[in-house]
C-alpha atoms as a PDB file:
ATOM      1  CA  MET A   1      22.276 -17.080 -35.468  1.00  0.00           C
ATOM      2  CA  THR A   2      18.874 -18.501 -33.640  1.00  0.00           C
ATOM      3  CA  ARG A   3      20.155 -19.371 -29.592  1.00  0.00           C
ATOM      4  CA  LEU A   4      18.388 -22.246 -28.499  1.00  0.00           C
ATOM      5  CA  LEU A   5      18.495 -23.278 -24.824  1.00  0.00           C
ATOM      6  CA  VAL A   6      17.736 -27.417 -24.380  1.00  0.00           C
ATOM      7  CA  VAL A   7      17.262 -28.326 -20.974  1.00  0.00           C
ATOM      8  CA  GLU A   8      17.341 -31.781 -20.607  1.00  0.00           C
ATOM      9  CA  ASP A   9      18.975 -33.913 -17.956  1.00  0.00           C
ATOM     10  CA  ASP A  10      19.469 -37.580 -19.934  1.00  0.00           C
ATOM     11  CA  PRO A  11      22.712 -37.024 -21.605  1.00  0.00           C
ATOM     12  CA  ILE A  12      22.077 -39.593 -24.244  1.00  0.00           C
ATOM     13  CA  ILE A  13      18.964 -37.483 -25.463  1.00  0.00           C
ATOM     14  CA  ALA A  14      20.455 -33.922 -24.681  1.00  0.00           C
ATOM     15  CA  MET A  15      23.869 -34.651 -27.321  1.00  0.00           C
ATOM     16  CA  ALA A  16      21.256 -36.201 -29.930  1.00  0.00           C
ATOM     17  CA  LEU A  17      19.410 -32.854 -29.703  1.00  0.00           C
ATOM     18  CA  GLU A  18      22.422 -30.696 -30.012  1.00  0.00           C
ATOM     19  CA  ASP A  19      24.035 -32.508 -32.902  1.00  0.00           C
ATOM     20  CA  ASP A  20      20.228 -32.194 -34.366  1.00  0.00           C
ATOM     21  CA  LEU A  21      19.679 -28.710 -33.716  1.00  0.00           C
ATOM     22  CA  THR A  22      22.942 -27.298 -34.997  1.00  0.00           C
ATOM     23  CA  SER A  23      22.846 -29.413 -37.940  1.00  0.00           C
ATOM     24  CA  GLU A  24      19.838 -27.235 -38.785  1.00  0.00           C
ATOM     25  CA  GLY A  25      22.065 -23.883 -38.013  1.00  0.00           C
ATOM     26  CA  TYR A  26      20.585 -22.967 -34.543  1.00  0.00           C
ATOM     27  CA  GLN A  27      23.386 -22.415 -31.655  1.00  0.00           C
ATOM     28  CA  VAL A  28      22.861 -24.485 -28.644  1.00  0.00           C
ATOM     29  CA  THR A  29      23.585 -24.320 -25.371  1.00  0.00           C
ATOM     30  CA  VAL A  30      22.632 -27.404 -23.204  1.00  0.00           C
ATOM     31  CA  VAL A  31      21.847 -27.790 -19.497  1.00  0.00           C
ATOM     32  CA  GLY A  32      21.204 -30.560 -17.116  1.00  0.00           C
ATOM     33  CA  ASP A  33      19.298 -29.422 -14.171  1.00  0.00           C
ATOM     34  CA  GLY A  34      16.336 -26.884 -13.523  1.00  0.00           C
ATOM     35  CA  LEU A  35      18.787 -24.569 -11.349  1.00  0.00           C
ATOM     36  CA  GLU A  36      21.192 -24.004 -14.398  1.00  0.00           C
ATOM     37  CA  ALA A  37      18.062 -23.898 -16.784  1.00  0.00           C
ATOM     38  CA  SER A  38      16.262 -20.989 -15.166  1.00  0.00           C
ATOM     39  CA  ARG A  39      19.845 -18.808 -14.284  1.00  0.00           C
ATOM     40  CA  HIS A  40      20.971 -19.382 -18.057  1.00  0.00           C
ATOM     41  CA  SER A  41      17.269 -18.090 -18.914  1.00  0.00           C
ATOM     42  CA  ARG A  42      17.519 -14.909 -17.121  1.00  0.00           C
ATOM     43  CA  GLU A  43      21.368 -13.922 -17.685  1.00  0.00           C
ATOM     44  CA  GLU A  44      21.458 -14.803 -21.429  1.00  0.00           C
ATOM     45  CA  ALA A  45      19.467 -13.613 -24.418  1.00  0.00           C
ATOM     46  CA  PHE A  46      17.841 -17.157 -26.078  1.00  0.00           C
ATOM     47  CA  ASP A  47      15.039 -17.360 -28.908  1.00  0.00           C
ATOM     48  CA  GLY A  48      13.391 -20.370 -27.602  1.00  0.00           C
ATOM     49  CA  ILE A  49      13.891 -22.668 -24.584  1.00  0.00           C
ATOM     50  CA  LEU A  50      13.396 -26.919 -25.239  1.00  0.00           C
ATOM     51  CA  LEU A  51      12.196 -27.496 -21.529  1.00  0.00           C
ATOM     52  CA  ASP A  52      12.219 -30.869 -20.002  1.00  0.00           C
ATOM     53  CA  VAL A  53       9.635 -31.430 -17.560  1.00  0.00           C
ATOM     54  CA  MET A  54      11.285 -33.950 -15.011  1.00  0.00           C
ATOM     55  CA  LEU A  55      14.689 -32.498 -14.069  1.00  0.00           C
ATOM     56  CA  PRO A  56      17.022 -32.523 -10.807  1.00  0.00           C
ATOM     57  CA  GLY A  57      16.922 -29.468  -9.016  1.00  0.00           C
ATOM     58  CA  LYS A  58      13.809 -28.064  -9.930  1.00  0.00           C
ATOM     59  CA  ASP A  59      11.247 -29.046 -12.382  1.00  0.00           C
ATOM     60  CA  GLY A  60      10.283 -27.712 -15.807  1.00  0.00           C
ATOM     61  CA  PHE A  61       6.581 -26.407 -14.319  1.00  0.00           C
ATOM     62  CA  ASP A  62       8.538 -24.643 -11.908  1.00  0.00           C
ATOM     63  CA  VAL A  63      11.310 -23.271 -13.694  1.00  0.00           C
ATOM     64  CA  CYS A  64       8.478 -22.043 -17.001  1.00  0.00           C
ATOM     65  CA  ARG A  65       6.316 -20.423 -13.654  1.00  0.00           C
ATOM     66  CA  GLU A  66       9.439 -19.001 -12.359  1.00  0.00           C
ATOM     67  CA  LEU A  67      10.445 -17.280 -16.320  1.00  0.00           C
ATOM     68  CA  ARG A  68       7.427 -15.920 -16.633  1.00  0.00           C
ATOM     69  CA  ARG A  69       6.790 -14.505 -13.140  1.00  0.00           C
ATOM     70  CA  ALA A  70       9.941 -13.094 -13.497  1.00  0.00           C
ATOM     71  CA  GLY A  71       9.035 -11.297 -17.347  1.00  0.00           C
ATOM     72  CA  VAL A  72      11.024 -13.813 -19.202  1.00  0.00           C
ATOM     73  CA  ARG A  73       8.949 -13.954 -22.367  1.00  0.00           C
ATOM     74  CA  THR A  74      11.208 -16.403 -24.656  1.00  0.00           C
ATOM     75  CA  PRO A  75       9.249 -19.106 -26.141  1.00  0.00           C
ATOM     76  CA  VAL A  76       8.821 -22.833 -24.473  1.00  0.00           C
ATOM     77  CA  ILE A  77       8.426 -25.912 -25.873  1.00  0.00           C
ATOM     78  CA  MET A  78       7.792 -27.999 -22.927  1.00  0.00           C
ATOM     79  CA  LEU A  79       9.563 -31.962 -23.494  1.00  0.00           C
ATOM     80  CA  THR A  80       8.409 -34.770 -21.702  1.00  0.00           C
ATOM     81  CA  ALA A  81       7.307 -38.526 -21.236  1.00  0.00           C
ATOM     82  CA  ARG A  82       4.085 -37.429 -19.690  1.00  0.00           C
ATOM     83  CA  SER A  83       0.809 -37.627 -22.081  1.00  0.00           C
ATOM     84  CA  GLN A  84      -2.281 -36.687 -19.830  1.00  0.00           C
ATOM     85  CA  GLU A  85      -4.248 -33.782 -20.668  1.00  0.00           C
ATOM     86  CA  ALA A  86      -4.020 -32.713 -16.973  1.00  0.00           C
ATOM     87  CA  GLU A  87       0.032 -31.808 -17.616  1.00  0.00           C
ATOM     88  CA  LYS A  88      -0.403 -30.736 -20.713  1.00  0.00           C
ATOM     89  CA  VAL A  89      -2.572 -27.986 -19.488  1.00  0.00           C
ATOM     90  CA  LEU A  90      -0.370 -27.192 -16.664  1.00  0.00           C
ATOM     91  CA  GLY A  91       2.235 -26.605 -19.148  1.00  0.00           C
ATOM     92  CA  PHE A  92       0.283 -23.881 -20.407  1.00  0.00           C
ATOM     93  CA  ASP A  93      -1.091 -22.581 -17.615  1.00  0.00           C
ATOM     94  CA  VAL A  94       2.820 -21.912 -16.382  1.00  0.00           C
ATOM     95  CA  GLY A  95       3.242 -20.204 -19.341  1.00  0.00           C
ATOM     96  CA  ALA A  96       4.211 -22.805 -21.907  1.00  0.00           C
ATOM     97  CA  ASP A  97       4.459 -21.782 -25.643  1.00  0.00           C
ATOM     98  CA  ASP A  98       3.274 -25.808 -26.717  1.00  0.00           C
ATOM     99  CA  TYR A  99       3.980 -29.261 -25.518  1.00  0.00           C
ATOM    100  CA  VAL A 100       5.583 -31.809 -27.164  1.00  0.00           C
ATOM    101  CA  THR A 101       5.478 -35.379 -25.893  1.00  0.00           C
ATOM    102  CA  LYS A 102       7.857 -38.404 -26.089  1.00  0.00           C
ATOM    103  CA  PRO A 103       8.927 -40.532 -27.773  1.00  0.00           C
ATOM    104  CA  TYR A 104       8.932 -37.298 -30.398  1.00  0.00           C
ATOM    105  CA  SER A 105      10.665 -37.107 -33.667  1.00  0.00           C
ATOM    106  CA  ALA A 106      12.994 -34.870 -34.873  1.00  0.00           C
ATOM    107  CA  ARG A 107      11.129 -33.937 -38.274  1.00  0.00           C
ATOM    108  CA  GLU A 108       8.311 -32.642 -35.636  1.00  0.00           C
ATOM    109  CA  LEU A 109      10.274 -30.936 -32.952  1.00  0.00           C
ATOM    110  CA  ARG A 110      11.839 -28.921 -35.445  1.00  0.00           C
ATOM    111  CA  ALA A 111       8.425 -28.065 -36.972  1.00  0.00           C
ATOM    112  CA  ARG A 112       7.344 -27.476 -33.473  1.00  0.00           C
ATOM    113  CA  ILE A 113      10.019 -25.108 -32.827  1.00  0.00           C
ATOM    114  CA  LYS A 114       9.951 -23.164 -36.282  1.00  0.00           C
ATOM    115  CA  ALA A 115       6.118 -22.546 -35.446  1.00  0.00           C
ATOM    116  CA  VAL A 116       6.553 -21.227 -32.076  1.00  0.00           C
ATOM    117  CA  LEU A 117       9.448 -18.765 -33.516  1.00  0.00           C
ATOM    118  CA  ARG A 118       7.112 -17.684 -36.290  1.00  0.00           C
ATOM    119  CA  ARG A 119       4.159 -17.264 -33.702  1.00  0.00           C
ATOM    120  CA  VAL A 120       6.419 -15.211 -31.480  1.00  0.00           C
ATOM    121  CA  SER A 121       7.662 -12.894 -34.928  1.00  0.00           C
ATOM    122  CA  ASP A 122       3.961 -12.527 -35.898  1.00  0.00           C
ATOM    123  CA  ALA A 123       3.553 -11.191 -32.121  1.00  0.00           C
ATOM    124  CA  PRO A 124       1.090  -8.206 -31.435  1.00  0.00           C
ATOM    125  CA  PRO A 125       2.757  -4.547 -30.862  1.00  0.00           C
ATOM    126  CA  GLU A 126       4.422  -4.083 -27.634  1.00  0.00           C
ATOM    127  CA  SER A 127       1.243  -1.933 -26.094  1.00  0.00           C
ATOM    128  CA  TYR A 128      -2.431  -2.161 -27.118  1.00  0.00           C
ATOM    129  CA  ALA A 129      -5.412  -0.169 -26.356  1.00  0.00           C
ATOM    130  CA  PHE A 130      -9.204  -0.909 -27.055  1.00  0.00           C
ATOM    131  CA  GLY A 131     -11.797   1.200 -24.368  1.00  0.00           C
ATOM    132  CA  GLU A 132     -10.688   1.428 -20.728  1.00  0.00           C
ATOM    133  CA  VAL A 133      -7.924  -1.004 -21.473  1.00  0.00           C
ATOM    134  CA  GLU A 134      -4.437  -1.346 -22.008  1.00  0.00           C
ATOM    135  CA  VAL A 135      -2.491  -4.158 -22.510  1.00  0.00           C
ATOM    136  CA  ALA A 136       1.467  -4.047 -22.440  1.00  0.00           C
ATOM    137  CA  PHE A 137       2.278  -7.126 -23.969  1.00  0.00           C
ATOM    138  CA  ASP A 138       6.339  -6.936 -23.387  1.00  0.00           C
ATOM    139  CA  ARG A 139       5.241  -6.774 -19.346  1.00  0.00           C
ATOM    140  CA  ARG A 140       2.040  -9.368 -19.695  1.00  0.00           C
ATOM    141  CA  GLU A 141      -0.291  -6.992 -18.061  1.00  0.00           C
ATOM    142  CA  VAL A 142      -3.313  -5.775 -18.276  1.00  0.00           C
ATOM    143  CA  ARG A 143      -4.769  -2.497 -16.430  1.00  0.00           C
ATOM    144  CA  ARG A 144      -8.295  -1.570 -16.797  1.00  0.00           C
ATOM    145  CA  ALA A 145      -9.514   2.141 -16.001  1.00  0.00           C
ATOM    146  CA  GLY A 146      -5.763   2.059 -15.133  1.00  0.00           C
ATOM    147  CA  ARG A 147      -6.078  -0.875 -12.427  1.00  0.00           C
ATOM    148  CA  VAL A 148      -4.000  -4.115 -13.163  1.00  0.00           C
ATOM    149  CA  VAL A 149      -6.367  -6.593 -14.083  1.00  0.00           C
ATOM    150  CA  PRO A 150      -4.602 -10.312 -13.438  1.00  0.00           C
ATOM    151  CA  LEU A 151      -5.226 -12.535 -15.949  1.00  0.00           C
ATOM    152  CA  THR A 152      -4.072 -15.824 -15.890  1.00  0.00           C
ATOM    153  CA  PRO A 153      -1.562 -17.244 -18.810  1.00  0.00           C
ATOM    154  CA  LEU A 154      -4.150 -19.111 -20.688  1.00  0.00           C
ATOM    155  CA  GLU A 155      -6.015 -15.887 -20.986  1.00  0.00           C
ATOM    156  CA  PHE A 156      -3.464 -13.858 -21.708  1.00  0.00           C
ATOM    157  CA  LYS A 157      -2.182 -15.919 -24.734  1.00  0.00           C
ATOM    158  CA  LEU A 158      -5.670 -15.707 -25.930  1.00  0.00           C
ATOM    159  CA  LEU A 159      -6.421 -12.190 -25.835  1.00  0.00           C
ATOM    160  CA  ALA A 160      -2.883 -11.829 -27.645  1.00  0.00           C
ATOM    161  CA  VAL A 161      -4.193 -14.160 -30.434  1.00  0.00           C
ATOM    162  CA  LEU A 162      -7.217 -12.519 -30.588  1.00  0.00           C
ATOM    163  CA  VAL A 163      -5.454  -8.828 -30.559  1.00  0.00           C
ATOM    164  CA  ARG A 164      -3.059 -10.298 -33.392  1.00  0.00           C
ATOM    165  CA  HIS A 165      -5.672 -11.157 -35.819  1.00  0.00           C
ATOM    166  CA  ARG A 166      -8.771  -8.125 -34.434  1.00  0.00           C
ATOM    167  CA  GLY A 167     -11.099  -7.550 -37.302  1.00  0.00           C
ATOM    168  CA  ARG A 168     -11.069 -11.246 -38.490  1.00  0.00           C
ATOM    169  CA  ALA A 169     -13.187 -14.466 -38.002  1.00  0.00           C
ATOM    170  CA  LEU A 170     -11.548 -16.890 -35.602  1.00  0.00           C
ATOM    171  CA  GLY A 171     -12.291 -20.461 -35.760  1.00  0.00           C
ATOM    172  CA  ARG A 172     -12.596 -22.110 -32.234  1.00  0.00           C
ATOM    173  CA  GLN A 173      -9.561 -25.048 -33.820  1.00  0.00           C
ATOM    174  CA  GLN A 174      -7.425 -21.670 -34.678  1.00  0.00           C
ATOM    175  CA  LEU A 175      -8.036 -20.189 -31.373  1.00  0.00           C
ATOM    176  CA  ILE A 176      -6.967 -24.057 -29.863  1.00  0.00           C
ATOM    177  CA  ASP A 177      -4.012 -24.286 -32.379  1.00  0.00           C
ATOM    178  CA  GLU A 178      -2.530 -20.535 -31.350  1.00  0.00           C
ATOM    179  CA  ALA A 179      -3.707 -20.171 -28.020  1.00  0.00           C
ATOM    180  CA  TRP A 180      -3.379 -23.921 -26.170  1.00  0.00           C
ATOM    181  CA  GLY A 181      -1.053 -25.259 -28.802  1.00  0.00           C
ATOM    182  CA  ARG A 182      -1.267 -28.094 -32.171  1.00  0.00           C
ATOM    183  CA  ASP A 183      -2.312 -31.291 -31.104  1.00  0.00           C
ATOM    184  CA  THR A 184      -3.908 -30.389 -27.857  1.00  0.00           C
ATOM    185  CA  PHE A 185      -7.006 -31.903 -27.382  1.00  0.00           C
ATOM    186  CA  VAL A 186      -9.365 -29.257 -26.093  1.00  0.00           C
ATOM    187  CA  THR A 187     -13.320 -28.979 -26.457  1.00  0.00           C
ATOM    188  CA  ASP A 188     -15.570 -26.415 -27.678  1.00  0.00           C
ATOM    189  CA  ARG A 189     -17.006 -25.985 -24.315  1.00  0.00           C
ATOM    190  CA  VAL A 190     -13.482 -25.285 -22.314  1.00  0.00           C
ATOM    191  CA  VAL A 191     -12.252 -22.052 -25.588  1.00  0.00           C
ATOM    192  CA  ASP A 192     -15.836 -20.730 -24.555  1.00  0.00           C
ATOM    193  CA  ASN A 193     -15.789 -20.829 -20.621  1.00  0.00           C
ATOM    194  CA  GLN A 194     -11.885 -19.625 -21.237  1.00  0.00           C
ATOM    195  CA  VAL A 195     -13.450 -16.491 -23.434  1.00  0.00           C
ATOM    196  CA  ALA A 196     -16.155 -15.987 -21.112  1.00  0.00           C
ATOM    197  CA  ASN A 197     -13.489 -15.648 -18.115  1.00  0.00           C
ATOM    198  CA  LEU A 198     -11.551 -13.392 -20.827  1.00  0.00           C
ATOM    199  CA  ARG A 199     -14.819 -11.130 -21.108  1.00  0.00           C
ATOM    200  CA  LYS A 200     -15.428 -10.903 -17.277  1.00  0.00           C
ATOM    201  CA  LYS A 201     -12.124  -8.966 -17.351  1.00  0.00           C
ATOM    202  CA  ILE A 202     -12.160  -7.029 -20.100  1.00  0.00           C
ATOM    203  CA  GLU A 203     -15.323  -6.020 -21.609  1.00  0.00           C
ATOM    204  CA  PRO A 204     -17.535  -3.277 -20.204  1.00  0.00           C
ATOM    205  CA  ASN A 205     -20.564  -5.787 -19.984  1.00  0.00           C
ATOM    206  CA  PRO A 206     -19.681  -9.251 -20.545  1.00  0.00           C
ATOM    207  CA  ALA A 207     -23.587 -10.016 -21.112  1.00  0.00           C
ATOM    208  CA  GLN A 208     -23.560  -7.807 -24.042  1.00  0.00           C
ATOM    209  CA  PRO A 209     -20.453  -7.813 -25.618  1.00  0.00           C
ATOM    210  CA  ARG A 210     -18.563  -5.276 -27.208  1.00  0.00           C
ATOM    211  CA  TYR A 211     -14.753  -6.661 -28.135  1.00  0.00           C
ATOM    212  CA  VAL A 212     -15.537  -9.840 -28.464  1.00  0.00           C
ATOM    213  CA  LEU A 213     -17.892 -11.150 -30.395  1.00  0.00           C
ATOM    214  CA  ASN A 214     -19.237 -14.304 -30.678  1.00  0.00           C
ATOM    215  CA  LEU A 215     -19.814 -16.130 -34.369  1.00  0.00           C
ATOM    216  CA  ARG A 216     -22.645 -18.787 -34.035  1.00  0.00           C
ATOM    217  CA  GLY A 217     -21.393 -22.065 -35.149  1.00  0.00           C
ATOM    218  CA  PHE A 218     -17.599 -20.824 -35.715  1.00  0.00           C
ATOM    219  CA  GLY A 219     -15.791 -19.057 -33.337  1.00  0.00           C
ATOM    220  CA  TYR A 220     -15.189 -15.300 -32.369  1.00  0.00           C
ATOM    221  CA  ARG A 221     -13.853 -12.215 -33.453  1.00  0.00           C
ATOM    222  CA  PHE A 222     -11.723  -9.261 -31.736  1.00  0.00           C
ATOM    223  CA  ASP A 223     -13.467  -5.593 -32.537  1.00  0.00           C
ATOM    224  CA  GLY A 224     -11.418  -3.401 -30.538  1.00  0.00           C
END
């Protein structure tokens, strides 16, 4: 049975989530503050985490950031009443897999959970190598010529998407959907800037990329 951790301090919302997700066949554990969320996420094995942003003790951004730094790879869907783009970007920067703005329908949330869990099941192998680069997806670590290359959470997620679809043409919208999350507004220029940043860290010559190739007017293809 798929196990979900629901982190929500509003008891009415928490109960509604627990009832709905349990009826869908999930095994649900509910906690009401950030400190408990961190402890449960580290000590127990969950398949997914629904994480409210505004929490007592420690907010959702801090919880997600700490989990990723500790190597916890459980998919995280952040739940918040904040709809500003900057808040969504921060959520992805700290390692969230998706971001759902309140109010949301139970049907939408169920679809988001299934999509995130499906992406995880289609995740790249634990390790992958190309050229001088070695990627340890299980440790979220990239090495180039034996030296650790610091990637941001978003850069790492973008690399994972490219590797998973290696050899295939990927439009910018598909990259946005899989790296930033569906229904996230990101311009093509932002995508191109992130790809340029990634190239600087993994390409022998970023000005003449060998692995992340540009497809003019469409997107990119990873040939690694």
